[in-house]
C-alpha atoms as a PDB file:
ATOM      1  CA  MET A   1      38.541 -15.767 -12.109  1.00  0.00           C
ATOM      2  CA  ALA A   2      38.459 -19.238 -12.592  1.00  0.00           C
ATOM      3  CA  ASN A   3      42.225 -18.734 -13.895  1.00  0.00           C
ATOM      4  CA  LEU A   4      43.440 -17.231 -10.500  1.00  0.00           C
ATOM      5  CA  THR A   5      44.473 -19.656  -8.104  1.00  0.00           C
ATOM      6  CA  HIS A   6      44.444 -17.433  -5.456  1.00  0.00           C
ATOM      7  CA  PHE A   7      40.162 -16.119  -5.540  1.00  0.00           C
ATOM      8  CA  ASN A   8      37.954 -19.024  -4.575  1.00  0.00           C
ATOM      9  CA  GLU A   9      34.228 -19.305  -5.724  1.00  0.00           C
ATOM     10  CA  SER A  10      32.748 -16.131  -4.359  1.00  0.00           C
ATOM     11  CA  GLY A  11      35.947 -14.334  -5.354  1.00  0.00           C
ATOM     12  CA  ARG A  12      37.650 -14.455  -1.693  1.00  0.00           C
ATOM     13  CA  ALA A  13      41.227 -14.647  -1.414  1.00  0.00           C
ATOM     14  CA  ARG A  14      42.078 -17.843  -0.722  1.00  0.00           C
ATOM     15  CA  MET A  15      45.282 -19.773   0.094  1.00  0.00           C
ATOM     16  CA  VAL A  16      46.161 -22.263  -2.725  1.00  0.00           C
ATOM     17  CA  ASP A  17      45.740 -26.174  -2.399  1.00  0.00           C
ATOM     18  CA  VAL A  18      49.285 -27.703  -3.311  1.00  0.00           C
ATOM     19  CA  THR A  19      47.565 -31.382  -1.952  1.00  0.00           C
ATOM     20  CA  ASP A  20      48.012 -33.195  -5.509  1.00  0.00           C
ATOM     21  CA  LYS A  21      51.054 -31.006  -6.338  1.00  0.00           C
ATOM     22  CA  PRO A  22      54.150 -33.819  -6.227  1.00  0.00           C
ATOM     23  CA  PRO A  23      56.841 -33.384  -3.847  1.00  0.00           C
ATOM     24  CA  THR A  24      59.923 -32.193  -5.181  1.00  0.00           C
ATOM     25  CA  GLU A  25      63.260 -30.293  -4.318  1.00  0.00           C
ATOM     26  CA  ARG A  26      62.700 -27.041  -4.278  1.00  0.00           C
ATOM     27  CA  VAL A  27      65.796 -24.380  -4.326  1.00  0.00           C
ATOM     28  CA  ALA A  28      65.940 -20.509  -4.497  1.00  0.00           C
ATOM     29  CA  VAL A  29      67.519 -17.653  -4.294  1.00  0.00           C
ATOM     30  CA  ALA A  30      67.573 -13.989  -3.864  1.00  0.00           C
ATOM     31  CA  GLU A  31      69.039 -11.049  -3.281  1.00  0.00           C
ATOM     32  CA  GLY A  32      69.461  -7.587  -1.520  1.00  0.00           C
ATOM     33  CA  LYS A  33      71.541  -4.801  -1.448  1.00  0.00           C
ATOM     34  CA  VAL A  34      72.003  -2.424   1.127  1.00  0.00           C
ATOM     35  CA  PHE A  35      74.145   0.832   0.479  1.00  0.00           C
ATOM     36  CA  VAL A  36      76.173   2.040   3.643  1.00  0.00           C
ATOM     37  CA  LEU A  37      78.346   5.563   3.929  1.00  0.00           C
ATOM     38  CA  PRO A  38      82.145   3.946   4.195  1.00  0.00           C
ATOM     39  CA  GLU A  39      82.545   4.491   7.517  1.00  0.00           C
ATOM     40  CA  THR A  40      79.857   2.773   8.537  1.00  0.00           C
ATOM     41  CA  LEU A  41      81.666  -0.070   6.524  1.00  0.00           C
ATOM     42  CA  GLU A  42      84.511  -0.073   7.856  1.00  0.00           C
ATOM     43  CA  LYS A  43      82.879  -0.010  11.799  1.00  0.00           C
ATOM     44  CA  ILE A  44      81.182  -3.471  10.925  1.00  0.00           C
ATOM     45  CA  HIS A  45      84.405  -4.959   9.712  1.00  0.00           C
ATOM     46  CA  ALA A  46      86.208  -3.012  12.874  1.00  0.00           C
ATOM     47  CA  GLY A  47      83.315  -4.786  15.503  1.00  0.00           C
ATOM     48  CA  ARG A  48      82.471  -0.825  16.548  1.00  0.00           C
ATOM     49  CA  ILE A  49      79.337  -1.126  15.666  1.00  0.00           C
ATOM     50  CA  ALA A  50      77.154  -0.462  19.184  1.00  0.00           C
ATOM     51  CA  LYS A  51      75.060  -3.676  18.824  1.00  0.00           C
ATOM     52  CA  GLY A  52      77.228  -5.667  18.265  1.00  0.00           C
ATOM     53  CA  ASP A  53      78.625  -8.565  15.290  1.00  0.00           C
ATOM     54  CA  VAL A  54      75.777  -7.143  12.630  1.00  0.00           C
ATOM     55  CA  LEU A  55      76.423  -9.658  10.490  1.00  0.00           C
ATOM     56  CA  ALA A  56      76.473 -12.166  11.732  1.00  0.00           C
ATOM     57  CA  VAL A  57      73.497 -10.547  13.735  1.00  0.00           C
ATOM     58  CA  ALA A  58      71.707  -9.878   9.507  1.00  0.00           C
ATOM     59  CA  GLN A  59      72.750 -13.617   8.899  1.00  0.00           C
ATOM     60  CA  VAL A  60      70.754 -15.382  11.938  1.00  0.00           C
ATOM     61  CA  ALA A  61      67.975 -12.783  11.538  1.00  0.00           C
ATOM     62  CA  GLY A  62      67.210 -14.215   7.856  1.00  0.00           C
ATOM     63  CA  VAL A  63      67.725 -17.496   9.116  1.00  0.00           C
ATOM     64  CA  MET A  64      64.567 -16.204  11.514  1.00  0.00           C
ATOM     65  CA  GLY A  65      62.593 -14.431   8.648  1.00  0.00           C
ATOM     66  CA  ALA A  66      62.554 -17.138   6.355  1.00  0.00           C
ATOM     67  CA  LYS A  67      61.195 -19.899   8.930  1.00  0.00           C
ATOM     68  CA  ARG A  68      58.285 -16.447  10.126  1.00  0.00           C
ATOM     69  CA  THR A  69      57.800 -15.973   6.272  1.00  0.00           C
ATOM     70  CA  PRO A  70      53.836 -17.797   6.146  1.00  0.00           C
ATOM     71  CA  ASP A  71      52.945 -15.506   9.332  1.00  0.00           C
ATOM     72  CA  LEU A  72      53.864 -11.898   7.359  1.00  0.00           C
ATOM     73  CA  ILE A  73      52.468 -14.096   3.831  1.00  0.00           C
ATOM     74  CA  PRO A  74      49.005 -13.591   4.655  1.00  0.00           C
ATOM     75  CA  MET A  75      48.675 -16.219   1.343  1.00  0.00           C
ATOM     76  CA  CYS A  76      51.862 -19.024   2.013  1.00  0.00           C
ATOM     77  CA  HIS A  77      51.992 -21.840   2.866  1.00  0.00           C
ATOM     78  CA  PRO A  78      54.364 -22.755   6.593  1.00  0.00           C
ATOM     79  CA  LEU A  79      56.785 -24.935   4.564  1.00  0.00           C
ATOM     80  CA  LEU A  80      59.689 -27.444   6.024  1.00  0.00           C
ATOM     81  CA  LEU A  81      62.583 -25.621   5.399  1.00  0.00           C
ATOM     82  CA  THR A  82      65.416 -28.321   5.120  1.00  0.00           C
ATOM     83  CA  GLY A  83      68.172 -25.747   4.866  1.00  0.00           C
ATOM     84  CA  VAL A  84      68.992 -21.409   4.337  1.00  0.00           C
ATOM     85  CA  ASP A  85      72.127 -19.644   4.140  1.00  0.00           C
ATOM     86  CA  VAL A  86      72.583 -16.245   4.213  1.00  0.00           C
ATOM     87  CA  ASP A  87      75.825 -14.564   3.099  1.00  0.00           C
ATOM     88  CA  PHE A  88      76.791 -11.505   2.362  1.00  0.00           C
ATOM     89  CA  LYS A  89      79.101  -9.814  -0.350  1.00  0.00           C
ATOM     90  CA  GLU A  90      80.657  -6.644   0.220  1.00  0.00           C
ATOM     91  CA  ASP A  91      81.897  -3.940  -2.498  1.00  0.00           C
ATOM     92  CA  PRO A  92      84.193  -0.931  -0.546  1.00  0.00           C
ATOM     93  CA  GLN A  93      84.227   0.715  -3.676  1.00  0.00           C
ATOM     94  CA  PRO A  94      82.106   4.032  -3.050  1.00  0.00           C
ATOM     95  CA  ASN A  95      79.370   3.821  -5.800  1.00  0.00           C
ATOM     96  CA  SER A  96      78.717   7.266  -7.713  1.00  0.00           C
ATOM     97  CA  ASP A  97      76.787   7.980  -4.503  1.00  0.00           C
ATOM     98  CA  GLY A  98      79.189   7.439  -2.983  1.00  0.00           C
ATOM     99  CA  ARG A  99      77.278   4.342  -0.657  1.00  0.00           C
ATOM    100  CA  CYS A 100      79.759   0.881  -0.340  1.00  0.00           C
ATOM    101  CA  VAL A 101      77.177  -2.054  -0.647  1.00  0.00           C
ATOM    102  CA  ILE A 102      76.591  -4.725   0.864  1.00  0.00           C
ATOM    103  CA  THR A 103      74.979  -7.429  -1.544  1.00  0.00           C
ATOM    104  CA  ILE A 104      72.783  -9.753   1.178  1.00  0.00           C
ATOM    105  CA  VAL A 105      72.396 -13.441  -0.581  1.00  0.00           C
ATOM    106  CA  ALA A 106      69.601 -15.811   0.666  1.00  0.00           C
ATOM    107  CA  THR A 107      69.805 -19.744   0.007  1.00  0.00           C
ATOM    108  CA  VAL A 108      65.991 -21.555   0.995  1.00  0.00           C
ATOM    109  CA  LYS A 109      66.244 -25.188   0.176  1.00  0.00           C
ATOM    110  CA  THR A 110      63.031 -27.597   0.812  1.00  0.00           C
ATOM    111  CA  THR A 111      61.464 -31.080  -0.160  1.00  0.00           C
ATOM    112  CA  GLY A 112      57.716 -30.318  -0.406  1.00  0.00           C
ATOM    113  CA  ASN A 113      54.765 -29.236  -3.188  1.00  0.00           C
ATOM    114  CA  THR A 114      55.198 -25.908  -3.216  1.00  0.00           C
ATOM    115  CA  GLY A 115      58.425 -23.332  -3.989  1.00  0.00           C
ATOM    116  CA  VAL A 116      60.240 -21.277  -1.342  1.00  0.00           C
ATOM    117  CA  GLU A 117      60.810 -18.071  -3.547  1.00  0.00           C
ATOM    118  CA  MET A 118      58.869 -15.665  -0.905  1.00  0.00           C
ATOM    119  CA  GLU A 119      60.771 -17.372   2.039  1.00  0.00           C
ATOM    120  CA  ALA A 120      64.199 -16.366   0.401  1.00  0.00           C
ATOM    121  CA  MET A 121      62.999 -12.783  -0.629  1.00  0.00           C
ATOM    122  CA  THR A 122      61.960 -12.311   3.018  1.00  0.00           C
ATOM    123  CA  ALA A 123      65.638 -13.809   4.073  1.00  0.00           C
ATOM    124  CA  VAL A 124      66.867 -11.074   2.361  1.00  0.00           C
ATOM    125  CA  SER A 125      64.796  -8.054   3.467  1.00  0.00           C
ATOM    126  CA  VAL A 126      64.642  -9.204   7.054  1.00  0.00           C
ATOM    127  CA  ALA A 127      68.852  -9.054   7.274  1.00  0.00           C
ATOM    128  CA  ALA A 128      68.009  -5.855   5.589  1.00  0.00           C
ATOM    129  CA  LEU A 129      65.955  -4.391   7.728  1.00  0.00           C
ATOM    130  CA  THR A 130      68.194  -6.102  10.417  1.00  0.00           C
ATOM    131  CA  ILE A 131      71.636  -4.120   9.018  1.00  0.00           C
ATOM    132  CA  TYR A 132      70.044  -0.701   8.381  1.00  0.00           C
ATOM    133  CA  ASP A 133      68.403  -1.022  12.546  1.00  0.00           C
ATOM    134  CA  MET A 134      72.197  -2.326  13.693  1.00  0.00           C
ATOM    135  CA  CYS A 135      73.573   0.779  12.148  1.00  0.00           C
ATOM    136  CA  LYS A 136      70.835   4.083  12.509  1.00  0.00           C
ATOM    137  CA  ALA A 137      72.370   5.452  15.188  1.00  0.00           C
ATOM    138  CA  VAL A 138      75.644   6.301  12.501  1.00  0.00           C
ATOM    139  CA  ASP A 139      74.105   6.142   9.166  1.00  0.00           C
ATOM    140  CA  LYS A 140      70.710   7.238   9.379  1.00  0.00           C
ATOM    141  CA  GLY A 141      70.720   7.727   5.517  1.00  0.00           C
ATOM    142  CA  MET A 142      70.799   3.484   4.313  1.00  0.00           C
ATOM    143  CA  GLU A 143      68.920   2.073   1.611  1.00  0.00           C
ATOM    144  CA  PHE A 144      67.888  -0.683   1.066  1.00  0.00           C
ATOM    145  CA  GLY A 145      66.752  -2.264  -2.637  1.00  0.00           C
ATOM    146  CA  GLU A 146      66.677  -4.346  -5.799  1.00  0.00           C
ATOM    147  CA  ILE A 147      65.368  -7.037  -3.433  1.00  0.00           C
ATOM    148  CA  ALA A 148      64.698  -9.738  -6.065  1.00  0.00           C
ATOM    149  CA  LEU A 149      64.404 -13.099  -7.200  1.00  0.00           C
ATOM    150  CA  VAL A 150      68.182 -14.689  -8.650  1.00  0.00           C
ATOM    151  CA  SER A 151      66.659 -18.395  -9.714  1.00  0.00           C
ATOM    152  CA  LYS A 152      65.067 -20.808  -8.456  1.00  0.00           C
ATOM    153  CA  SER A 153      64.586 -24.997  -9.123  1.00  0.00           C
ATOM    154  CA  GLY A 154      61.599 -27.478  -8.539  1.00  0.00           C
ATOM    155  CA  GLY A 155      58.222 -27.488  -8.994  1.00  0.00           C
ATOM    156  CA  LYS A 156      56.154 -27.519 -12.595  1.00  0.00           C
ATOM    157  CA  SER A 157      57.367 -24.650 -13.736  1.00  0.00           C
ATOM    158  CA  GLY A 158      60.834 -25.755 -13.527  1.00  0.00           C
ATOM    159  CA  THR A 159      64.220 -23.878 -13.576  1.00  0.00           C
ATOM    160  CA  TYR A 160      64.248 -20.224 -13.524  1.00  0.00           C
ATOM    161  CA  VAL A 161      67.021 -17.600 -13.865  1.00  0.00           C
ATOM    162  CA  ARG A 162      67.075 -13.969 -13.351  1.00  0.00           C
ATOM    163  CA  VAL A 163      68.283 -12.133 -17.077  1.00  0.00           C
ATOM    164  CA  GLN A 164      71.118  -9.734 -14.647  1.00  0.00           C
ATOM    165  CA  LYS A 165      70.709  -5.623 -15.616  1.00  0.00           C
ATOM    166  CA  GLY A 166      73.077  -5.158 -18.479  1.00  0.00           C
ATOM    167  CA  ARG A 167      74.047  -8.442 -19.324  1.00  0.00           C
END
């Protein structure tokens, strides 16, 4: 188990010690998709969802989710996040399943000893759950997924950019 950084000498899980890692500027971008009926997307745009402004609330929820990541994922380090941005791209053209797509994009930044990939993916996940919660009264069949790290920079492993499907 010597090569497994998340286990101690006794084979038990531990938080990795990042004390000796130099602080660097770190940025992670993640995205995910929410699949909704065309009528649901129309109601979101028209402000006709009873719980309020869906994307505004999901944006705030995503930021809060990024900040709370170490409370949700046991081995994540508490980090001083220097920036969190959650944005949405909407495709009103229904796909082959008759669903429109709301793509959630989260960008998280810090200067520190460890990366912010988990914070970016948590922001996307919490924003997606919030969209579901706010719209479930009109569209219980919503789905979300395809949550993935798009890119990350900084740290010992350097830059990563996800190869997009179909390219």
